[in-house]
Amino acid sequence: MVEYYQRCVPAYYKGFSEYADASPIADNCVFEMILLIFGYRLVEWYLHTEDDDEKTKRVHTLQKIYEMKTSPTQG
């Protein structure tokens, strides 16, 4: 997930800025959308399961989302 994010998001921003008549995207709106769409669900799933393995998977996925924000997207 993190590798795709690091590769695809910069390409999306570059392609969008080449063809759209708009100012460059300054903030990280793709990351915010990922967090809004998936983060909330992951927390809900974590809260409503009693299976420790499932809780561990949810925490791991949330950690990966956090790493996407803290790792560079240019490379």
C-alpha atoms as a PDB file:
ATOM      1  CA  MET A   1       0.000   0.000   0.000  1.00  0.00           C
ATOM      2  CA  VAL A   2       2.761   2.437   0.948  1.00  0.00           C
ATOM      3  CA  GLU A   3       4.789   1.690  -2.207  1.00  0.00           C
ATOM      4  CA  TYR A   4       1.758   2.257  -4.450  1.00  0.00           C
ATOM      5  CA  TYR A   5       0.987   5.486  -2.644  1.00  0.00           C
ATOM      6  CA  GLN A   6       4.568   6.727  -3.045  1.00  0.00           C
ATOM      7  CA  ARG A   7       4.568   5.889  -6.748  1.00  0.00           C
ATOM      8  CA  CYS A   8       1.034   6.686  -7.855  1.00  0.00           C
ATOM      9  CA  VAL A   9       0.142   9.834  -5.938  1.00  0.00           C
ATOM     10  CA  PRO A  10       2.996  11.958  -7.355  1.00  0.00           C
ATOM     11  CA  ALA A  11       2.125  10.675 -10.843  1.00  0.00           C
ATOM     12  CA  TYR A  12      -1.522  11.622 -10.273  1.00  0.00           C
ATOM     13  CA  TYR A  13      -0.591  15.131  -9.129  1.00  0.00           C
ATOM     14  CA  LYS A  14       1.800  15.559 -12.072  1.00  0.00           C
ATOM     15  CA  GLY A  15      -0.737  14.346 -14.622  1.00  0.00           C
ATOM     16  CA  PHE A  16      -3.514  16.416 -13.124  1.00  0.00           C
ATOM     17  CA  SER A  17      -1.439  19.602 -13.147  1.00  0.00           C
ATOM     18  CA  GLU A  18      -0.416  19.031 -16.778  1.00  0.00           C
ATOM     19  CA  TYR A  19      -3.975  18.783 -18.079  1.00  0.00           C
ATOM     20  CA  ALA A  20      -6.104  20.773 -15.660  1.00  0.00           C
ATOM     21  CA  ASP A  21      -6.434  24.512 -15.815  1.00  0.00           C
ATOM     22  CA  ALA A  22      -6.022  24.914 -12.067  1.00  0.00           C
ATOM     23  CA  SER A  23      -3.367  25.959  -9.620  1.00  0.00           C
ATOM     24  CA  PRO A  24      -1.052  23.189  -8.433  1.00  0.00           C
ATOM     25  CA  ILE A  25      -2.326  21.036  -5.613  1.00  0.00           C
ATOM     26  CA  ALA A  26      -0.446  22.197  -2.534  1.00  0.00           C
ATOM     27  CA  ASP A  27      -1.786  19.953   0.184  1.00  0.00           C
ATOM     28  CA  ASN A  28      -2.056  16.228   0.422  1.00  0.00           C
ATOM     29  CA  CYS A  29      -5.740  15.757  -0.394  1.00  0.00           C
ATOM     30  CA  VAL A  30      -5.265  12.144  -1.581  1.00  0.00           C
ATOM     31  CA  PHE A  31      -3.871  11.151   1.820  1.00  0.00           C
ATOM     32  CA  GLU A  32      -6.761  12.914   3.544  1.00  0.00           C
ATOM     33  CA  MET A  33      -9.280  11.029   1.397  1.00  0.00           C
ATOM     34  CA  ILE A  34      -7.606   7.703   2.215  1.00  0.00           C
ATOM     35  CA  LEU A  35      -7.718   8.569   5.884  1.00  0.00           C
ATOM     36  CA  LEU A  36     -11.372   9.615   5.742  1.00  0.00           C
ATOM     37  CA  ILE A  37     -12.542   6.624   3.733  1.00  0.00           C
ATOM     38  CA  PHE A  38     -10.489   3.856   5.316  1.00  0.00           C
ATOM     39  CA  GLY A  39      -9.316   5.192   8.676  1.00  0.00           C
ATOM     40  CA  TYR A  40     -12.792   5.571  10.118  1.00  0.00           C
ATOM     41  CA  ARG A  41     -13.788   2.076   8.986  1.00  0.00           C
ATOM     42  CA  LEU A  42     -10.650   0.521  10.415  1.00  0.00           C
ATOM     43  CA  VAL A  43     -11.229   2.122  13.794  1.00  0.00           C
ATOM     44  CA  GLU A  44     -14.856   0.982  13.773  1.00  0.00           C
ATOM     45  CA  TRP A  45     -13.868  -2.569  12.835  1.00  0.00           C
ATOM     46  CA  TYR A  46     -11.237  -2.531  15.577  1.00  0.00           C
ATOM     47  CA  LEU A  47     -13.739  -1.385  18.185  1.00  0.00           C
ATOM     48  CA  HIS A  48     -16.406  -3.905  17.205  1.00  0.00           C
ATOM     49  CA  THR A  49     -14.376  -7.103  16.953  1.00  0.00           C
ATOM     50  CA  GLU A  50     -13.306  -9.356  19.759  1.00  0.00           C
ATOM     51  CA  ASP A  51     -10.820 -11.323  17.641  1.00  0.00           C
ATOM     52  CA  ASP A  52      -7.281 -10.312  18.617  1.00  0.00           C
ATOM     53  CA  ASP A  53      -5.867 -11.244  15.195  1.00  0.00           C
ATOM     54  CA  GLU A  54      -8.372  -8.956  13.484  1.00  0.00           C
ATOM     55  CA  LYS A  55      -7.537  -6.131  15.898  1.00  0.00           C
ATOM     56  CA  THR A  56      -3.844  -6.605  15.111  1.00  0.00           C
ATOM     57  CA  LYS A  57      -4.552  -6.420  11.351  1.00  0.00           C
ATOM     58  CA  ARG A  58      -6.521  -3.185  11.776  1.00  0.00           C
ATOM     59  CA  VAL A  59      -3.759  -1.581  13.845  1.00  0.00           C
ATOM     60  CA  HIS A  60      -1.152  -2.682  11.287  1.00  0.00           C
ATOM     61  CA  THR A  61      -3.169  -1.164   8.435  1.00  0.00           C
ATOM     62  CA  LEU A  62      -3.637   2.102  10.330  1.00  0.00           C
ATOM     63  CA  GLN A  63       0.121   2.147  10.966  1.00  0.00           C
ATOM     64  CA  LYS A  64       0.750   1.766   7.225  1.00  0.00           C
ATOM     65  CA  ILE A  65      -1.577   4.693   6.508  1.00  0.00           C
ATOM     66  CA  TYR A  66       0.358   6.747   9.057  1.00  0.00           C
ATOM     67  CA  GLU A  67       3.624   5.762   7.357  1.00  0.00           C
ATOM     68  CA  MET A  68       2.265   7.013   4.026  1.00  0.00           C
ATOM     69  CA  LYS A  69       1.840  10.450   5.553  1.00  0.00           C
ATOM     70  CA  THR A  70       5.267  10.497   7.167  1.00  0.00           C
ATOM     71  CA  SER A  71       7.216   9.069   4.214  1.00  0.00           C
ATOM     72  CA  PRO A  72       8.155  11.146   1.175  1.00  0.00           C
ATOM     73  CA  THR A  73       5.900  10.770  -1.866  1.00  0.00           C
ATOM     74  CA  GLN A  74       8.575  11.916  -4.287  1.00  0.00           C
ATOM     75  CA  GLY A  75      11.210   9.429  -5.265  1.00  0.00           C
END
